[in-house]
Amino acid sequence: MVGRSLRQIVWARLRRDKVAMFTLIVLIAFVLIAIVGPFLLPNPAQVFDKSAISDLGGRPKLPNGGISPEHILGVEWGTGRDIFGQLIYGLRISLIIASSATFITVVLGTVIGIFAGYAGGLTDTVIGRFMDLILAFPFLLIILALSGVLTQRLTDLGVPEGNPSRILYLILVMSVFGWPYLARIVRGQVLSLREREFVEAAVAMGAKRRRILFGEILPNLWAPILVYATLTLPAYIGLEAALSFLGVGVQAPDTTFGAMLATSVAFFKTVPTYLYFPGFTLVVLVVAFNLFGDAVRDALDPKAIH
């Protein structure tokens, strides 16, 4: 009988989990929509349907926020921009920011955590105190206070002015303040792994440190790293929405979920659908990621794999 690899075991467990498979299908659909949608729909930042709103005040002419065959989710008050198109383009930007920040966070946290845990001694102490220093900073206050200064600095360094610099700023700030959490997890795992027989055997055979860290230790860390990544990505999506709501993120005419929610608040009593659609989409996206992350964590649990 041929034994199954860890990947095969985990995939088999995920396939038996109906919630995991349903959320995986939902997430794949979101990603495909974010990739394909902008090629099929005009950019709402450039299309203003003035015929869908009144001349006085810019209120949608049709009920329920201007829902019609041409605008299946209605139009934005005052501009006539299609809300469905905004959702598609906003989804794309949100996923780009969250996935990029998650990738950088995982790379930094993994590399620094492995190095600190294996080196030990003074190196581990210095890195540990540096992580404590980063975690002690009031993250939200700093990102709000330094937004204008650092985005302008990125523009001076060659990043296109406006939303490109704002997007890069969000990615960098999320990554800088996010990696210490994973680094601590990885460091704790490495402290126990470095005493294992396979590591001692590699040292005795004269393997280089790079080989020991990334060839022997890293393959045994994929489970916690993958779980952390699946749970961090939705957290970054929610964080990006909150920051955009506060005015730090993407600005008009481009949009994200947070920016749409911020705009919709002023018209909630008159056009509540403008708040419901981006809010519901954001909730579904974050919940799907969280549920899938929980399923991955359960599937990677060594006590449950058999």
C-alpha atoms as a PDB file:
ATOM      1  CA  MET A   1       0.000   0.000   0.000  1.00  0.00           C
ATOM      2  CA  VAL A   2       1.437   3.381  -1.019  1.00  0.00           C
ATOM      3  CA  GLY A   3       1.449   5.963   1.753  1.00  0.00           C
ATOM      4  CA  ARG A   4      -0.131   9.340   1.160  1.00  0.00           C
ATOM      5  CA  SER A   5       1.778  12.591   1.405  1.00  0.00           C
ATOM      6  CA  LEU A   6       0.763  15.357   3.788  1.00  0.00           C
ATOM      7  CA  ARG A   7      -0.611  17.369   0.870  1.00  0.00           C
ATOM      8  CA  GLN A   8      -2.830  14.465  -0.210  1.00  0.00           C
ATOM      9  CA  ILE A   9      -4.074  13.906   3.335  1.00  0.00           C
ATOM     10  CA  VAL A  10      -4.890  17.585   3.851  1.00  0.00           C
ATOM     11  CA  TRP A  11      -6.682  17.839   0.498  1.00  0.00           C
ATOM     12  CA  ALA A  12      -8.705  14.716   1.282  1.00  0.00           C
ATOM     13  CA  ARG A  13      -9.788  16.225   4.594  1.00  0.00           C
ATOM     14  CA  LEU A  14     -10.720  19.511   2.929  1.00  0.00           C
ATOM     15  CA  ARG A  15     -12.807  17.712   0.308  1.00  0.00           C
ATOM     16  CA  ARG A  16     -14.791  15.978   3.060  1.00  0.00           C
ATOM     17  CA  ASP A  17     -15.479  19.339   4.697  1.00  0.00           C
ATOM     18  CA  LYS A  18     -18.540  20.793   2.956  1.00  0.00           C
ATOM     19  CA  VAL A  19     -18.020  24.241   4.493  1.00  0.00           C
ATOM     20  CA  ALA A  20     -14.408  24.303   3.304  1.00  0.00           C
ATOM     21  CA  MET A  21     -15.329  23.378  -0.250  1.00  0.00           C
ATOM     22  CA  PHE A  22     -18.206  25.859  -0.384  1.00  0.00           C
ATOM     23  CA  THR A  23     -16.045  28.706   0.883  1.00  0.00           C
ATOM     24  CA  LEU A  24     -13.260  27.686  -1.518  1.00  0.00           C
ATOM     25  CA  ILE A  25     -15.700  27.934  -4.437  1.00  0.00           C
ATOM     26  CA  VAL A  26     -16.858  31.348  -3.182  1.00  0.00           C
ATOM     27  CA  LEU A  27     -13.274  32.591  -2.890  1.00  0.00           C
ATOM     28  CA  ILE A  28     -12.344  31.306  -6.345  1.00  0.00           C
ATOM     29  CA  ALA A  29     -15.395  33.101  -7.726  1.00  0.00           C
ATOM     30  CA  PHE A  30     -14.354  36.358  -6.043  1.00  0.00           C
ATOM     31  CA  VAL A  31     -10.818  36.071  -7.424  1.00  0.00           C
ATOM     32  CA  LEU A  32     -12.039  35.311 -10.945  1.00  0.00           C
ATOM     33  CA  ILE A  33     -14.451  38.229 -10.821  1.00  0.00           C
ATOM     34  CA  ALA A  34     -11.651  40.533  -9.650  1.00  0.00           C
ATOM     35  CA  ILE A  35      -9.400  39.344 -12.498  1.00  0.00           C
ATOM     36  CA  VAL A  36     -11.888  39.127 -15.358  1.00  0.00           C
ATOM     37  CA  GLY A  37     -14.450  41.767 -14.355  1.00  0.00           C
ATOM     38  CA  PRO A  38     -12.394  44.870 -15.189  1.00  0.00           C
ATOM     39  CA  PHE A  39     -11.850  43.537 -18.721  1.00  0.00           C
ATOM     40  CA  LEU A  40     -15.600  43.142 -19.263  1.00  0.00           C
ATOM     41  CA  LEU A  41     -16.928  46.266 -17.551  1.00  0.00           C
ATOM     42  CA  PRO A  42     -16.008  49.912 -18.118  1.00  0.00           C
ATOM     43  CA  ASN A  43     -14.158  51.619 -15.303  1.00  0.00           C
ATOM     44  CA  PRO A  44     -16.826  53.363 -13.180  1.00  0.00           C
ATOM     45  CA  ALA A  45     -14.247  56.029 -12.366  1.00  0.00           C
ATOM     46  CA  GLN A  46     -14.532  57.173 -15.980  1.00  0.00           C
ATOM     47  CA  VAL A  47     -18.238  56.561 -16.668  1.00  0.00           C
ATOM     48  CA  PHE A  48     -20.818  58.946 -15.208  1.00  0.00           C
ATOM     49  CA  ASP A  49     -24.392  58.186 -16.238  1.00  0.00           C
ATOM     50  CA  LYS A  50     -26.017  61.568 -15.732  1.00  0.00           C
ATOM     51  CA  SER A  51     -29.253  60.268 -17.261  1.00  0.00           C
ATOM     52  CA  ALA A  52     -29.753  57.989 -14.238  1.00  0.00           C
ATOM     53  CA  ILE A  53     -29.743  60.827 -11.693  1.00  0.00           C
ATOM     54  CA  SER A  54     -31.839  63.947 -11.296  1.00  0.00           C
ATOM     55  CA  ASP A  55     -30.524  67.380 -12.186  1.00  0.00           C
ATOM     56  CA  LEU A  56     -31.299  68.695  -8.719  1.00  0.00           C
ATOM     57  CA  GLY A  57     -29.184  67.066  -6.023  1.00  0.00           C
ATOM     58  CA  GLY A  58     -28.083  64.105  -8.109  1.00  0.00           C
ATOM     59  CA  ARG A  59     -30.591  61.672  -6.588  1.00  0.00           C
ATOM     60  CA  PRO A  60     -31.123  58.438  -8.585  1.00  0.00           C
ATOM     61  CA  LYS A  61     -34.288  58.772 -10.650  1.00  0.00           C
ATOM     62  CA  LEU A  62     -35.410  55.163 -10.216  1.00  0.00           C
ATOM     63  CA  PRO A  63     -36.311  53.643  -6.833  1.00  0.00           C
ATOM     64  CA  ASN A  64     -33.924  51.509  -4.762  1.00  0.00           C
ATOM     65  CA  GLY A  65     -30.931  53.599  -5.668  1.00  0.00           C
ATOM     66  CA  GLY A  66     -31.535  53.524  -9.417  1.00  0.00           C
ATOM     67  CA  ILE A  67     -31.616  49.754  -9.918  1.00  0.00           C
ATOM     68  CA  SER A  68     -32.363  48.963 -13.561  1.00  0.00           C
ATOM     69  CA  PRO A  69     -31.304  46.510 -16.293  1.00  0.00           C
ATOM     70  CA  GLU A  70     -28.433  48.890 -17.134  1.00  0.00           C
ATOM     71  CA  HIS A  71     -27.412  49.269 -13.475  1.00  0.00           C
ATOM     72  CA  ILE A  72     -28.293  46.046 -11.668  1.00  0.00           C
ATOM     73  CA  LEU A  73     -27.192  47.385  -8.270  1.00  0.00           C
ATOM     74  CA  GLY A  74     -28.098  51.009  -8.858  1.00  0.00           C
ATOM     75  CA  VAL A  75     -25.993  54.133  -9.281  1.00  0.00           C
ATOM     76  CA  GLU A  76     -24.069  56.408  -6.966  1.00  0.00           C
ATOM     77  CA  TRP A  77     -25.802  59.486  -5.674  1.00  0.00           C
ATOM     78  CA  GLY A  78     -24.516  62.666  -7.289  1.00  0.00           C
ATOM     79  CA  THR A  79     -22.303  61.056  -9.953  1.00  0.00           C
ATOM     80  CA  GLY A  80     -24.342  58.305 -11.602  1.00  0.00           C
ATOM     81  CA  ARG A  81     -21.463  55.834 -11.376  1.00  0.00           C
ATOM     82  CA  ASP A  82     -22.506  52.195 -11.565  1.00  0.00           C
ATOM     83  CA  ILE A  83     -22.349  50.517  -8.145  1.00  0.00           C
ATOM     84  CA  PHE A  84     -21.809  47.025  -9.548  1.00  0.00           C
ATOM     85  CA  GLY A  85     -18.802  48.288 -11.480  1.00  0.00           C
ATOM     86  CA  GLN A  86     -17.465  49.958  -8.341  1.00  0.00           C
ATOM     87  CA  LEU A  87     -17.775  46.674  -6.463  1.00  0.00           C
ATOM     88  CA  ILE A  88     -15.798  44.814  -9.129  1.00  0.00           C
ATOM     89  CA  TYR A  89     -13.008  47.372  -9.307  1.00  0.00           C
ATOM     90  CA  GLY A  90     -13.044  47.832  -5.532  1.00  0.00           C
ATOM     91  CA  LEU A  91     -12.757  44.083  -5.033  1.00  0.00           C
ATOM     92  CA  ARG A  92      -9.725  44.021  -7.298  1.00  0.00           C
ATOM     93  CA  ILE A  93      -7.946  46.791  -5.392  1.00  0.00           C
ATOM     94  CA  SER A  94      -8.809  45.287  -2.004  1.00  0.00           C
ATOM     95  CA  LEU A  95      -7.477  41.861  -2.998  1.00  0.00           C
ATOM     96  CA  ILE A  96      -4.298  43.367  -4.457  1.00  0.00           C
ATOM     97  CA  ILE A  97      -3.592  45.280  -1.252  1.00  0.00           C
ATOM     98  CA  ALA A  98      -4.467  42.417   1.102  1.00  0.00           C
ATOM     99  CA  SER A  99      -2.701  39.671  -0.850  1.00  0.00           C
ATOM    100  CA  SER A 100       0.451  41.753  -1.398  1.00  0.00           C
ATOM    101  CA  ALA A 101       0.623  42.745   2.260  1.00  0.00           C
ATOM    102  CA  THR A 102       0.029  39.128   3.326  1.00  0.00           C
ATOM    103  CA  PHE A 103       2.800  37.869   1.048  1.00  0.00           C
ATOM    104  CA  ILE A 104       5.338  40.390   2.374  1.00  0.00           C
ATOM    105  CA  THR A 105       4.231  39.730   5.954  1.00  0.00           C
ATOM    106  CA  VAL A 106       4.641  35.972   5.548  1.00  0.00           C
ATOM    107  CA  VAL A 107       8.076  36.284   3.903  1.00  0.00           C
ATOM    108  CA  LEU A 108       9.423  38.719   6.505  1.00  0.00           C
ATOM    109  CA  GLY A 109       7.909  36.912   9.469  1.00  0.00           C
ATOM    110  CA  THR A 110       9.116  33.502   8.291  1.00  0.00           C
ATOM    111  CA  VAL A 111      12.685  34.516   7.448  1.00  0.00           C
ATOM    112  CA  ILE A 112      13.232  36.625  10.563  1.00  0.00           C
ATOM    113  CA  GLY A 113      11.508  34.104  12.823  1.00  0.00           C
ATOM    114  CA  ILE A 114      13.600  31.195  11.521  1.00  0.00           C
ATOM    115  CA  PHE A 115      16.819  33.158  11.835  1.00  0.00           C
ATOM    116  CA  ALA A 116      16.058  34.391  15.361  1.00  0.00           C
ATOM    117  CA  GLY A 117      14.953  30.988  16.638  1.00  0.00           C
ATOM    118  CA  TYR A 118      17.929  29.124  15.204  1.00  0.00           C
ATOM    119  CA  ALA A 119      20.601  31.708  16.077  1.00  0.00           C
ATOM    120  CA  GLY A 120      19.500  32.153  19.694  1.00  0.00           C
ATOM    121  CA  GLY A 121      21.602  34.094  22.169  1.00  0.00           C
ATOM    122  CA  LEU A 122      22.170  37.802  21.667  1.00  0.00           C
ATOM    123  CA  THR A 123      20.801  37.732  18.101  1.00  0.00           C
ATOM    124  CA  ASP A 124      17.501  36.285  19.293  1.00  0.00           C
ATOM    125  CA  THR A 125      17.318  38.819  22.121  1.00  0.00           C
ATOM    126  CA  VAL A 126      17.936  41.809  19.851  1.00  0.00           C
ATOM    127  CA  ILE A 127      15.381  40.640  17.276  1.00  0.00           C
ATOM    128  CA  GLY A 128      12.887  39.888  20.043  1.00  0.00           C
ATOM    129  CA  ARG A 129      13.204  43.387  21.537  1.00  0.00           C
ATOM    130  CA  PHE A 130      12.872  44.894  18.042  1.00  0.00           C
ATOM    131  CA  MET A 131       9.621  42.974  17.541  1.00  0.00           C
ATOM    132  CA  ASP A 132       8.384  44.187  20.925  1.00  0.00           C
ATOM    133  CA  LEU A 133       9.184  47.755  19.874  1.00  0.00           C
ATOM    134  CA  ILE A 134       7.155  47.443  16.673  1.00  0.00           C
ATOM    135  CA  LEU A 135       4.226  45.845  18.486  1.00  0.00           C
ATOM    136  CA  ALA A 136       4.256  48.652  21.063  1.00  0.00           C
ATOM    137  CA  PHE A 137       3.566  51.356  18.476  1.00  0.00           C
ATOM    138  CA  PRO A 138      -0.055  52.578  18.230  1.00  0.00           C
ATOM    139  CA  PHE A 139      -0.592  51.260  14.713  1.00  0.00           C
ATOM    140  CA  LEU A 140      -3.805  53.069  13.817  1.00  0.00           C
ATOM    141  CA  LEU A 141      -2.580  56.419  15.114  1.00  0.00           C
ATOM    142  CA  ILE A 142       0.694  56.148  13.190  1.00  0.00           C
ATOM    143  CA  ILE A 143      -0.877  55.113   9.904  1.00  0.00           C
ATOM    144  CA  LEU A 144      -3.335  58.006  10.108  1.00  0.00           C
ATOM    145  CA  ALA A 145      -0.743  60.582  11.158  1.00  0.00           C
ATOM    146  CA  LEU A 146       1.959  59.640   8.638  1.00  0.00           C
ATOM    147  CA  SER A 147      -0.279  58.964   5.644  1.00  0.00           C
ATOM    148  CA  GLY A 148       0.223  62.287   3.911  1.00  0.00           C
ATOM    149  CA  VAL A 149       3.947  62.530   4.651  1.00  0.00           C
ATOM    150  CA  LEU A 150       4.897  59.012   3.573  1.00  0.00           C
ATOM    151  CA  THR A 151       2.698  58.917   0.475  1.00  0.00           C
ATOM    152  CA  GLN A 152       4.355  62.130  -0.653  1.00  0.00           C
ATOM    153  CA  ARG A 153       7.744  60.553   0.083  1.00  0.00           C
ATOM    154  CA  LEU A 154       6.840  57.572  -2.087  1.00  0.00           C
ATOM    155  CA  THR A 155       5.823  59.962  -4.854  1.00  0.00           C
ATOM    156  CA  ASP A 156       9.214  61.685  -4.574  1.00  0.00           C
ATOM    157  CA  LEU A 157      10.875  58.275  -4.966  1.00  0.00           C
ATOM    158  CA  GLY A 158       9.141  57.692  -8.295  1.00  0.00           C
ATOM    159  CA  VAL A 159       5.816  56.081  -7.376  1.00  0.00           C
ATOM    160  CA  PRO A 160       2.953  57.609  -9.415  1.00  0.00           C
ATOM    161  CA  GLU A 161       1.126  60.288  -7.486  1.00  0.00           C
ATOM    162  CA  GLY A 162      -2.319  59.631  -6.075  1.00  0.00           C
ATOM    163  CA  ASN A 163      -3.819  56.223  -5.476  1.00  0.00           C
ATOM    164  CA  PRO A 164      -0.754  54.173  -6.581  1.00  0.00           C
ATOM    165  CA  SER A 165       1.297  55.765  -3.792  1.00  0.00           C
ATOM    166  CA  ARG A 166      -1.581  55.313  -1.348  1.00  0.00           C
ATOM    167  CA  ILE A 167      -1.926  51.632  -2.252  1.00  0.00           C
ATOM    168  CA  LEU A 168       1.808  51.044  -1.844  1.00  0.00           C
ATOM    169  CA  TYR A 169       1.737  52.922   1.459  1.00  0.00           C
ATOM    170  CA  LEU A 170      -1.013  50.667   2.814  1.00  0.00           C
ATOM    171  CA  ILE A 171       0.827  47.526   1.688  1.00  0.00           C
ATOM    172  CA  LEU A 172       4.091  48.612   3.304  1.00  0.00           C
ATOM    173  CA  VAL A 173       2.541  49.748   6.579  1.00  0.00           C
ATOM    174  CA  MET A 174       0.451  46.589   6.972  1.00  0.00           C
ATOM    175  CA  SER A 175       3.526  44.459   6.292  1.00  0.00           C
ATOM    176  CA  VAL A 176       5.829  46.371   8.644  1.00  0.00           C
ATOM    177  CA  PHE A 177       3.409  46.145  11.544  1.00  0.00           C
ATOM    178  CA  GLY A 178       2.180  42.625  10.725  1.00  0.00           C
ATOM    179  CA  TRP A 179       5.301  40.453  10.405  1.00  0.00           C
ATOM    180  CA  PRO A 180       6.259  40.333  14.140  1.00  0.00           C
ATOM    181  CA  TYR A 181       3.191  38.226  14.971  1.00  0.00           C
ATOM    182  CA  LEU A 182       4.181  35.489  12.539  1.00  0.00           C
ATOM    183  CA  ALA A 183       7.851  35.833  13.443  1.00  0.00           C
ATOM    184  CA  ARG A 184       7.027  34.996  17.058  1.00  0.00           C
ATOM    185  CA  ILE A 185       5.086  31.917  16.033  1.00  0.00           C
ATOM    186  CA  VAL A 186       7.863  30.716  13.740  1.00  0.00           C
ATOM    187  CA  ARG A 187      10.551  31.451  16.318  1.00  0.00           C
ATOM    188  CA  GLY A 188       8.758  29.318  18.899  1.00  0.00           C
ATOM    189  CA  GLN A 189       8.515  26.416  16.462  1.00  0.00           C
ATOM    190  CA  VAL A 190      12.172  26.707  15.474  1.00  0.00           C
ATOM    191  CA  LEU A 191      13.316  26.636  19.102  1.00  0.00           C
ATOM    192  CA  SER A 192      11.976  23.089  19.358  1.00  0.00           C
ATOM    193  CA  LEU A 193      12.886  21.967  15.840  1.00  0.00           C
ATOM    194  CA  ARG A 194      16.545  22.937  16.114  1.00  0.00           C
ATOM    195  CA  GLU A 195      17.024  20.266  18.795  1.00  0.00           C
ATOM    196  CA  ARG A 196      15.523  17.509  16.643  1.00  0.00           C
ATOM    197  CA  GLU A 197      17.642  14.655  15.321  1.00  0.00           C
ATOM    198  CA  PHE A 198      17.341  15.556  11.640  1.00  0.00           C
ATOM    199  CA  VAL A 199      18.732  19.043  12.311  1.00  0.00           C
ATOM    200  CA  GLU A 200      21.585  17.692  14.418  1.00  0.00           C
ATOM    201  CA  ALA A 201      22.352  15.180  11.675  1.00  0.00           C
ATOM    202  CA  ALA A 202      22.498  17.965   9.073  1.00  0.00           C
ATOM    203  CA  VAL A 203      24.879  19.936  11.296  1.00  0.00           C
ATOM    204  CA  ALA A 204      27.059  16.872  11.833  1.00  0.00           C
ATOM    205  CA  MET A 205      27.259  16.329   8.073  1.00  0.00           C
ATOM    206  CA  GLY A 206      28.568  19.859   7.629  1.00  0.00           C
ATOM    207  CA  ALA A 207      25.487  21.367   5.979  1.00  0.00           C
ATOM    208  CA  LYS A 208      25.550  25.126   5.543  1.00  0.00           C
ATOM    209  CA  ARG A 209      23.266  27.263   7.670  1.00  0.00           C
ATOM    210  CA  ARG A 210      21.134  28.201   4.658  1.00  0.00           C
ATOM    211  CA  ARG A 211      20.547  24.511   3.952  1.00  0.00           C
ATOM    212  CA  ILE A 212      19.629  23.842   7.571  1.00  0.00           C
ATOM    213  CA  LEU A 213      17.247  26.790   7.842  1.00  0.00           C
ATOM    214  CA  PHE A 214      15.447  26.523   4.520  1.00  0.00           C
ATOM    215  CA  GLY A 215      16.039  22.895   3.569  1.00  0.00           C
ATOM    216  CA  GLU A 216      15.511  21.149   6.895  1.00  0.00           C
ATOM    217  CA  ILE A 217      13.561  23.456   9.216  1.00  0.00           C
ATOM    218  CA  LEU A 218      11.325  25.448   6.843  1.00  0.00           C
ATOM    219  CA  PRO A 219       9.482  22.397   5.378  1.00  0.00           C
ATOM    220  CA  ASN A 220       8.320  21.596   8.906  1.00  0.00           C
ATOM    221  CA  LEU A 221       6.832  25.061   9.359  1.00  0.00           C
ATOM    222  CA  TRP A 222       4.447  25.176   6.405  1.00  0.00           C
ATOM    223  CA  ALA A 223       1.402  24.229   8.481  1.00  0.00           C
ATOM    224  CA  PRO A 224       1.459  27.207  10.900  1.00  0.00           C
ATOM    225  CA  ILE A 225       2.624  29.555   8.135  1.00  0.00           C
ATOM    226  CA  LEU A 226      -0.212  28.556   5.811  1.00  0.00           C
ATOM    227  CA  VAL A 227      -2.792  28.848   8.574  1.00  0.00           C
ATOM    228  CA  TYR A 228      -1.485  32.273   9.549  1.00  0.00           C
ATOM    229  CA  ALA A 229      -1.618  33.442   5.926  1.00  0.00           C
ATOM    230  CA  THR A 230      -5.213  32.288   5.418  1.00  0.00           C
ATOM    231  CA  LEU A 231      -6.298  34.147   8.544  1.00  0.00           C
ATOM    232  CA  THR A 232      -4.193  37.262   7.933  1.00  0.00           C
ATOM    233  CA  LEU A 233      -5.481  37.942   4.425  1.00  0.00           C
ATOM    234  CA  PRO A 234      -9.115  38.542   5.486  1.00  0.00           C
ATOM    235  CA  ALA A 235      -7.889  40.620   8.414  1.00  0.00           C
ATOM    236  CA  TYR A 236      -6.012  42.846   5.961  1.00  0.00           C
ATOM    237  CA  ILE A 237      -9.103  43.109   3.750  1.00  0.00           C
ATOM    238  CA  GLY A 238     -11.091  44.374   6.716  1.00  0.00           C
ATOM    239  CA  LEU A 239      -8.254  46.679   7.775  1.00  0.00           C
ATOM    240  CA  GLU A 240      -7.982  48.171   4.301  1.00  0.00           C
ATOM    241  CA  ALA A 241     -11.734  48.796   4.278  1.00  0.00           C
ATOM    242  CA  ALA A 242     -11.537  50.499   7.674  1.00  0.00           C
ATOM    243  CA  LEU A 243      -8.627  52.703   6.615  1.00  0.00           C
ATOM    244  CA  SER A 244     -10.345  53.661   3.360  1.00  0.00           C
ATOM    245  CA  PHE A 245     -13.466  54.477   5.369  1.00  0.00           C
ATOM    246  CA  LEU A 246     -11.336  56.829   7.481  1.00  0.00           C
ATOM    247  CA  GLY A 247      -9.932  58.480   4.354  1.00  0.00           C
ATOM    248  CA  VAL A 248      -6.415  57.026   4.447  1.00  0.00           C
ATOM    249  CA  GLY A 249      -6.835  54.529   1.612  1.00  0.00           C
ATOM    250  CA  VAL A 250      -7.886  54.818  -2.010  1.00  0.00           C
ATOM    251  CA  GLN A 251      -9.512  58.107  -2.973  1.00  0.00           C
ATOM    252  CA  ALA A 252     -12.093  58.991  -5.631  1.00  0.00           C
ATOM    253  CA  PRO A 253     -12.565  58.444  -8.505  1.00  0.00           C
ATOM    254  CA  ASP A 254     -11.155  54.968  -7.732  1.00  0.00           C
ATOM    255  CA  THR A 255     -12.824  53.074  -4.937  1.00  0.00           C
ATOM    256  CA  THR A 256     -12.736  50.162  -2.501  1.00  0.00           C
ATOM    257  CA  PHE A 257     -15.283  48.701  -0.115  1.00  0.00           C
ATOM    258  CA  GLY A 258     -14.321  51.106   2.653  1.00  0.00           C
ATOM    259  CA  ALA A 259     -14.529  54.139   0.388  1.00  0.00           C
ATOM    260  CA  MET A 260     -17.963  53.058  -0.843  1.00  0.00           C
ATOM    261  CA  LEU A 261     -19.180  52.605   2.719  1.00  0.00           C
ATOM    262  CA  ALA A 262     -17.861  56.028   3.675  1.00  0.00           C
ATOM    263  CA  THR A 263     -19.677  57.653   0.743  1.00  0.00           C
ATOM    264  CA  SER A 264     -22.912  55.749   1.349  1.00  0.00           C
ATOM    265  CA  VAL A 265     -23.320  56.888   4.959  1.00  0.00           C
ATOM    266  CA  ALA A 266     -24.468  60.359   3.918  1.00  0.00           C
ATOM    267  CA  PHE A 267     -27.288  58.893   1.801  1.00  0.00           C
ATOM    268  CA  PHE A 268     -28.255  55.923   3.960  1.00  0.00           C
ATOM    269  CA  LYS A 269     -31.697  57.187   4.944  1.00  0.00           C
ATOM    270  CA  THR A 270     -32.619  57.893   1.332  1.00  0.00           C
ATOM    271  CA  VAL A 271     -30.704  55.163  -0.544  1.00  0.00           C
ATOM    272  CA  PRO A 272     -29.868  52.370   1.926  1.00  0.00           C
ATOM    273  CA  THR A 273     -28.989  49.927  -0.849  1.00  0.00           C
ATOM    274  CA  TYR A 274     -25.784  51.853  -1.510  1.00  0.00           C
ATOM    275  CA  LEU A 275     -24.616  50.791   1.961  1.00  0.00           C
ATOM    276  CA  TYR A 276     -26.029  47.269   1.844  1.00  0.00           C
ATOM    277  CA  PHE A 277     -24.326  46.064  -1.341  1.00  0.00           C
ATOM    278  CA  PRO A 278     -20.675  46.844  -0.492  1.00  0.00           C
ATOM    279  CA  GLY A 279     -21.242  45.956   3.167  1.00  0.00           C
ATOM    280  CA  PHE A 280     -22.747  42.568   2.319  1.00  0.00           C
ATOM    281  CA  THR A 281     -20.008  41.812  -0.227  1.00  0.00           C
ATOM    282  CA  LEU A 282     -17.290  42.704   2.290  1.00  0.00           C
ATOM    283  CA  VAL A 283     -18.860  40.524   4.978  1.00  0.00           C
ATOM    284  CA  VAL A 284     -19.209  37.537   2.625  1.00  0.00           C
ATOM    285  CA  LEU A 285     -15.597  37.877   1.443  1.00  0.00           C
ATOM    286  CA  VAL A 286     -14.101  38.142   4.936  1.00  0.00           C
ATOM    287  CA  VAL A 287     -16.280  35.383   6.409  1.00  0.00           C
ATOM    288  CA  ALA A 288     -15.435  33.057   3.504  1.00  0.00           C
ATOM    289  CA  PHE A 289     -11.705  33.602   4.048  1.00  0.00           C
ATOM    290  CA  ASN A 290     -12.056  33.090   7.809  1.00  0.00           C
ATOM    291  CA  LEU A 291     -14.067  29.883   7.435  1.00  0.00           C
ATOM    292  CA  PHE A 292     -11.629  28.517   4.875  1.00  0.00           C
ATOM    293  CA  GLY A 293      -8.737  29.454   7.143  1.00  0.00           C
ATOM    294  CA  ASP A 294     -10.359  27.548  10.012  1.00  0.00           C
ATOM    295  CA  ALA A 295     -10.845  24.548   7.724  1.00  0.00           C
ATOM    296  CA  VAL A 296      -7.198  24.629   6.647  1.00  0.00           C
ATOM    297  CA  ARG A 297      -6.111  24.803  10.276  1.00  0.00           C
ATOM    298  CA  ASP A 298      -8.223  21.759  11.145  1.00  0.00           C
ATOM    299  CA  ALA A 299      -6.965  19.871   8.102  1.00  0.00           C
ATOM    300  CA  LEU A 300      -3.348  20.545   9.059  1.00  0.00           C
ATOM    301  CA  ASP A 301      -3.834  19.487  12.677  1.00  0.00           C
ATOM    302  CA  PRO A 302      -1.424  16.545  13.202  1.00  0.00           C
ATOM    303  CA  LYS A 303      -3.737  15.015  15.790  1.00  0.00           C
ATOM    304  CA  ALA A 304      -6.571  14.887  13.271  1.00  0.00           C
ATOM    305  CA  ILE A 305      -4.562  13.581  10.289  1.00  0.00           C
ATOM    306  CA  HIS A 306      -4.847   9.853   9.905  1.00  0.00           C
END
